[in-house]
C-alpha atoms as a PDB file:
ATOM      1  CA  UNK A   1      33.024  90.395  99.006  1.00  0.00           C
ATOM      2  CA  UNK A   2      33.502  93.860  97.323  1.00  0.00           C
ATOM      3  CA  UNK A   3      34.252  91.975  93.848  1.00  0.00           C
ATOM      4  CA  UNK A   4      31.154  89.748  94.051  1.00  0.00           C
ATOM      5  CA  UNK A   5      29.077  93.295  94.925  1.00  0.00           C
ATOM      6  CA  UNK A   6      30.661  95.176  91.992  1.00  0.00           C
ATOM      7  CA  UNK A   7      30.037  92.139  89.511  1.00  0.00           C
ATOM      8  CA  UNK A   8      26.414  92.424  90.642  1.00  0.00           C
ATOM      9  CA  UNK A   9      25.993  95.963  90.175  1.00  0.00           C
ATOM     10  CA  UNK A  10      27.725  95.776  86.563  1.00  0.00           C
ATOM     11  CA  UNK A  11      24.969  92.873  86.093  1.00  0.00           C
ATOM     12  CA  UNK A  12      22.115  94.918  87.146  1.00  0.00           C
ATOM     13  CA  UNK A  13      23.455  98.049  85.057  1.00  0.00           C
ATOM     14  CA  UNK A  14      23.615  95.561  82.095  1.00  0.00           C
ATOM     15  CA  UNK A  15      20.157  94.366  82.353  1.00  0.00           C
ATOM     16  CA  UNK A  16      18.442  97.661  83.290  1.00  0.00           C
ATOM     17  CA  UNK A  17      20.019  99.167  79.947  1.00  0.00           C
ATOM     18  CA  UNK A  18      18.880  96.305  77.978  1.00  0.00           C
ATOM     19  CA  UNK A  19      15.797  95.382  79.414  1.00  0.00           C
ATOM     20  CA  UNK A  20      16.616  92.047  80.793  1.00  0.00           C
ATOM     21  CA  UNK A  21      13.602  89.963  82.072  1.00  0.00           C
ATOM     22  CA  UNK A  22      10.606  91.379  82.180  1.00  0.00           C
ATOM     23  CA  UNK A  23       7.739  92.995  79.918  1.00  0.00           C
ATOM     24  CA  UNK A  24       9.422  96.602  80.019  1.00  0.00           C
ATOM     25  CA  UNK A  25      12.065  95.163  77.499  1.00  0.00           C
ATOM     26  CA  UNK A  26       9.249  93.398  75.470  1.00  0.00           C
ATOM     27  CA  UNK A  27       8.381  94.874  72.072  1.00  0.00           C
ATOM     28  CA  UNK A  28       4.685  95.705  71.910  1.00  0.00           C
ATOM     29  CA  UNK A  29       3.074  93.282  69.392  1.00  0.00           C
ATOM     30  CA  UNK A  30       2.600  96.104  66.868  1.00  0.00           C
ATOM     31  CA  UNK A  31       6.213  97.098  66.675  1.00  0.00           C
ATOM     32  CA  UNK A  32       7.227  93.351  66.289  1.00  0.00           C
ATOM     33  CA  UNK A  33       4.883  92.992  63.463  1.00  0.00           C
ATOM     34  CA  UNK A  34       6.026  96.170  61.720  1.00  0.00           C
ATOM     35  CA  UNK A  35       9.717  94.812  62.309  1.00  0.00           C
ATOM     36  CA  UNK A  36       8.796  91.452  60.743  1.00  0.00           C
ATOM     37  CA  UNK A  37       6.839  93.223  57.720  1.00  0.00           C
ATOM     38  CA  UNK A  38       9.740  95.524  57.110  1.00  0.00           C
ATOM     39  CA  UNK A  39      12.657  92.746  57.458  1.00  0.00           C
ATOM     40  CA  UNK A  40      10.419  90.590  55.108  1.00  0.00           C
ATOM     41  CA  UNK A  41      10.324  93.348  52.497  1.00  0.00           C
ATOM     42  CA  UNK A  42      13.999  94.063  52.777  1.00  0.00           C
ATOM     43  CA  UNK A  43      14.601  90.292  51.831  1.00  0.00           C
ATOM     44  CA  UNK A  44      12.288  90.884  48.918  1.00  0.00           C
ATOM     45  CA  UNK A  45      14.268  93.770  47.798  1.00  0.00           C
ATOM     46  CA  UNK A  46      17.405  91.498  48.096  1.00  0.00           C
ATOM     47  CA  UNK A  47      15.915  88.809  46.266  1.00  0.00           C
ATOM     48  CA  UNK A  48      14.911  91.253  43.420  1.00  0.00           C
ATOM     49  CA  UNK A  49      17.942  93.143  43.053  1.00  0.00           C
ATOM     50  CA  UNK A  50      19.845  89.928  42.606  1.00  0.00           C
ATOM     51  CA  UNK A  51      17.603  88.625  39.861  1.00  0.00           C
ATOM     52  CA  UNK A  52      18.397  91.791  38.208  1.00  0.00           C
ATOM     53  CA  UNK A  53      22.091  91.625  38.238  1.00  0.00           C
ATOM     54  CA  UNK A  54      22.324  95.229  40.347  1.00  0.00           C
ATOM     55  CA  UNK A  55      25.055  93.993  42.797  1.00  0.00           C
ATOM     56  CA  UNK A  56      26.158  97.522  43.692  1.00  0.00           C
ATOM     57  CA  UNK A  57      22.407  97.826  45.222  1.00  0.00           C
ATOM     58  CA  UNK A  58      22.824  94.409  46.927  1.00  0.00           C
ATOM     59  CA  UNK A  59      26.096  94.916  48.319  1.00  0.00           C
ATOM     60  CA  UNK A  60      24.353  98.183  50.014  1.00  0.00           C
ATOM     61  CA  UNK A  61      22.078  96.011  51.668  1.00  0.00           C
ATOM     62  CA  UNK A  62      25.360  94.554  53.815  1.00  0.00           C
ATOM     63  CA  UNK A  63      25.986  96.585  57.026  1.00  0.00           C
ATOM     64  CA  UNK A  64      29.708  98.571  56.712  1.00  0.00           C
ATOM     65  CA  UNK A  65      29.824  98.496  60.578  1.00  0.00           C
ATOM     66  CA  UNK A  66      33.375  96.722  61.826  1.00  0.00           C
ATOM     67  CA  UNK A  67      32.403  93.278  62.815  1.00  0.00           C
ATOM     68  CA  UNK A  68      30.038  92.471  59.867  1.00  0.00           C
ATOM     69  CA  UNK A  69      30.489  89.172  58.634  1.00  0.00           C
ATOM     70  CA  UNK A  70      29.135  86.110  56.639  1.00  0.00           C
ATOM     71  CA  UNK A  71      29.781  82.398  57.461  1.00  0.00           C
ATOM     72  CA  UNK A  72      29.373  80.055  54.715  1.00  0.00           C
ATOM     73  CA  UNK A  73      30.099  76.276  55.099  1.00  0.00           C
ATOM     74  CA  UNK A  74      32.290  76.872  57.915  1.00  0.00           C
ATOM     75  CA  UNK A  75      34.349  79.745  56.248  1.00  0.00           C
ATOM     76  CA  UNK A  76      34.157  83.338  57.847  1.00  0.00           C
ATOM     77  CA  UNK A  77      34.195  86.208  55.714  1.00  0.00           C
ATOM     78  CA  UNK A  78      34.139  90.278  56.263  1.00  0.00           C
ATOM     79  CA  UNK A  79      31.656  92.413  55.322  1.00  0.00           C
ATOM     80  CA  UNK A  80      33.962  94.363  52.908  1.00  0.00           C
ATOM     81  CA  UNK A  81      34.866  91.207  51.245  1.00  0.00           C
ATOM     82  CA  UNK A  82      31.362  90.197  50.945  1.00  0.00           C
ATOM     83  CA  UNK A  83      30.608  93.350  49.186  1.00  0.00           C
ATOM     84  CA  UNK A  84      33.227  93.192  46.667  1.00  0.00           C
ATOM     85  CA  UNK A  85      32.485  89.824  45.737  1.00  0.00           C
ATOM     86  CA  UNK A  86      28.766  90.524  45.290  1.00  0.00           C
ATOM     87  CA  UNK A  87      30.119  93.772  42.881  1.00  0.00           C
ATOM     88  CA  UNK A  88      32.426  91.476  41.168  1.00  0.00           C
ATOM     89  CA  UNK A  89      29.158  89.258  39.853  1.00  0.00           C
ATOM     90  CA  UNK A  90      28.790  91.839  36.862  1.00  0.00           C
ATOM     91  CA  UNK A  91      25.789  90.858  34.660  1.00  0.00           C
ATOM     92  CA  UNK A  92      25.180  87.473  36.251  1.00  0.00           C
ATOM     93  CA  UNK A  93      21.377  87.220  37.410  1.00  0.00           C
ATOM     94  CA  UNK A  94      20.941  84.866  40.457  1.00  0.00           C
ATOM     95  CA  UNK A  95      17.473  83.674  41.075  1.00  0.00           C
ATOM     96  CA  UNK A  96      16.679  82.767  44.817  1.00  0.00           C
ATOM     97  CA  UNK A  97      13.359  81.310  46.018  1.00  0.00           C
ATOM     98  CA  UNK A  98      12.917  81.280  49.927  1.00  0.00           C
ATOM     99  CA  UNK A  99      10.682  78.947  52.072  1.00  0.00           C
ATOM    100  CA  UNK A 100       9.979  78.871  55.683  1.00  0.00           C
ATOM    101  CA  UNK A 101      11.227  82.358  56.339  1.00  0.00           C
ATOM    102  CA  UNK A 102      10.800  83.292  59.957  1.00  0.00           C
ATOM    103  CA  UNK A 103      11.810  86.786  61.324  1.00  0.00           C
ATOM    104  CA  UNK A 104      12.343  87.090  65.063  1.00  0.00           C
ATOM    105  CA  UNK A 105      12.377  90.702  66.403  1.00  0.00           C
ATOM    106  CA  UNK A 106      14.860  90.747  69.168  1.00  0.00           C
ATOM    107  CA  UNK A 107      14.828  94.237  69.936  1.00  0.00           C
ATOM    108  CA  UNK A 108      14.123  97.671  68.491  1.00  0.00           C
ATOM    109  CA  UNK A 109      16.055  97.915  65.272  1.00  0.00           C
ATOM    110  CA  UNK A 110      17.357  94.277  65.498  1.00  0.00           C
ATOM    111  CA  UNK A 111      16.001  90.913  64.081  1.00  0.00           C
ATOM    112  CA  UNK A 112      17.006  87.807  63.406  1.00  0.00           C
ATOM    113  CA  UNK A 113      15.702  85.765  60.101  1.00  0.00           C
ATOM    114  CA  UNK A 114      16.046  81.854  59.052  1.00  0.00           C
ATOM    115  CA  UNK A 115      15.079  80.351  55.839  1.00  0.00           C
ATOM    116  CA  UNK A 116      15.726  77.566  53.532  1.00  0.00           C
ATOM    117  CA  UNK A 117      16.849  78.778  50.182  1.00  0.00           C
ATOM    118  CA  UNK A 118      17.348  77.579  46.464  1.00  0.00           C
ATOM    119  CA  UNK A 119      19.558  79.452  44.409  1.00  0.00           C
ATOM    120  CA  UNK A 120      20.133  79.243  40.492  1.00  0.00           C
ATOM    121  CA  UNK A 121      22.652  81.205  38.388  1.00  0.00           C
ATOM    122  CA  UNK A 122      20.685  82.098  35.692  1.00  0.00           C
ATOM    123  CA  UNK A 123      21.830  80.879  32.158  1.00  0.00           C
ATOM    124  CA  UNK A 124      24.545  78.302  34.128  1.00  0.00           C
ATOM    125  CA  UNK A 125      23.882  74.829  35.519  1.00  0.00           C
ATOM    126  CA  UNK A 126      25.144  76.176  38.812  1.00  0.00           C
ATOM    127  CA  UNK A 127      22.384  75.494  41.215  1.00  0.00           C
ATOM    128  CA  UNK A 128      22.275  74.956  45.159  1.00  0.00           C
ATOM    129  CA  UNK A 129      19.910  74.891  48.269  1.00  0.00           C
ATOM    130  CA  UNK A 130      20.639  75.280  51.985  1.00  0.00           C
ATOM    131  CA  UNK A 131      19.338  77.351  54.683  1.00  0.00           C
ATOM    132  CA  UNK A 132      20.136  80.966  56.077  1.00  0.00           C
ATOM    133  CA  UNK A 133      20.513  82.690  58.892  1.00  0.00           C
ATOM    134  CA  UNK A 134      20.990  86.487  59.108  1.00  0.00           C
ATOM    135  CA  UNK A 135      20.823  89.328  61.827  1.00  0.00           C
ATOM    136  CA  UNK A 136      19.429  92.506  60.398  1.00  0.00           C
ATOM    137  CA  UNK A 137      19.958  95.812  62.019  1.00  0.00           C
ATOM    138  CA  UNK A 138      18.082  98.855  61.270  1.00  0.00           C
ATOM    139  CA  UNK A 139      20.294 101.668  60.176  1.00  0.00           C
ATOM    140  CA  UNK A 140      19.695 105.231  58.957  1.00  0.00           C
ATOM    141  CA  UNK A 141      19.412 103.722  55.378  1.00  0.00           C
ATOM    142  CA  UNK A 142      16.919 101.175  56.277  1.00  0.00           C
ATOM    143  CA  UNK A 143      17.359  97.636  57.077  1.00  0.00           C
ATOM    144  CA  UNK A 144      21.071  96.306  56.741  1.00  0.00           C
ATOM    145  CA  UNK A 145      22.497  92.384  57.167  1.00  0.00           C
ATOM    146  CA  UNK A 146      24.897  92.753  60.132  1.00  0.00           C
ATOM    147  CA  UNK A 147      25.741  89.200  59.975  1.00  0.00           C
ATOM    148  CA  UNK A 148      24.717  85.567  58.772  1.00  0.00           C
ATOM    149  CA  UNK A 149      25.647  82.076  57.773  1.00  0.00           C
ATOM    150  CA  UNK A 150      24.569  79.918  55.266  1.00  0.00           C
ATOM    151  CA  UNK A 151      24.760  76.332  54.584  1.00  0.00           C
ATOM    152  CA  UNK A 152      24.069  73.611  52.157  1.00  0.00           C
ATOM    153  CA  UNK A 153      23.326  69.790  52.546  1.00  0.00           C
ATOM    154  CA  UNK A 154      26.559  68.500  53.180  1.00  0.00           C
ATOM    155  CA  UNK A 155      28.240  71.760  52.659  1.00  0.00           C
ATOM    156  CA  UNK A 156      28.572  70.900  49.060  1.00  0.00           C
ATOM    157  CA  UNK A 157      27.489  73.154  45.932  1.00  0.00           C
ATOM    158  CA  UNK A 158      25.508  71.242  43.636  1.00  0.00           C
ATOM    159  CA  UNK A 159      25.005  71.622  39.838  1.00  0.00           C
ATOM    160  CA  UNK A 160      22.018  70.480  37.860  1.00  0.00           C
ATOM    161  CA  UNK A 161      21.779  68.549  35.276  1.00  0.00           C
END
C-alpha cells in the first residue's frame, strides 16, 4: 500500500512540475506563434549556411549537450560525430529545399519540426529526398538541434542523371 502511495506522489509531483493535463502548462497562443516563427528562422539560417558552405556555423546549430544525436536511415550518430562530419565538408555547398514544414511548440524552449526535403550537393550528381523530424531546444546561444531523424524513400541515396 505504501509503495502505491509513494508512486502516486511521484506521479503527482512530476505532473505538477511538467504541467501535465491542463491549461496551466499550455503555452499562450502568442508564445507558441513566436516559437514557431523563431524555429522557422533557425531552419532558414541552417539552409543559408549550408548553401554557403559555412560548416562551422552549421555545426554550431547542433546542441553540444550529452545525449544529442541524429538518426539517419536507422543508424544513430552522436552529436559530436554529426558536428565533425559537417565540418569535414569543406567548400562543398549543399542546397536543400523544404516542403510541408510543421513546427509544434512542446513547452517553453522546446519544439519539434517535421518536413520533407530535397537536397543537392552543388556541382555533383548527388541528389536525395526524404523526410526529417527534429527536436529543437532554445539554449543561451539560440535554437539548437537536440536530436533528429532523417530518412529517404526506401532508405537509399539517389543520384540524379
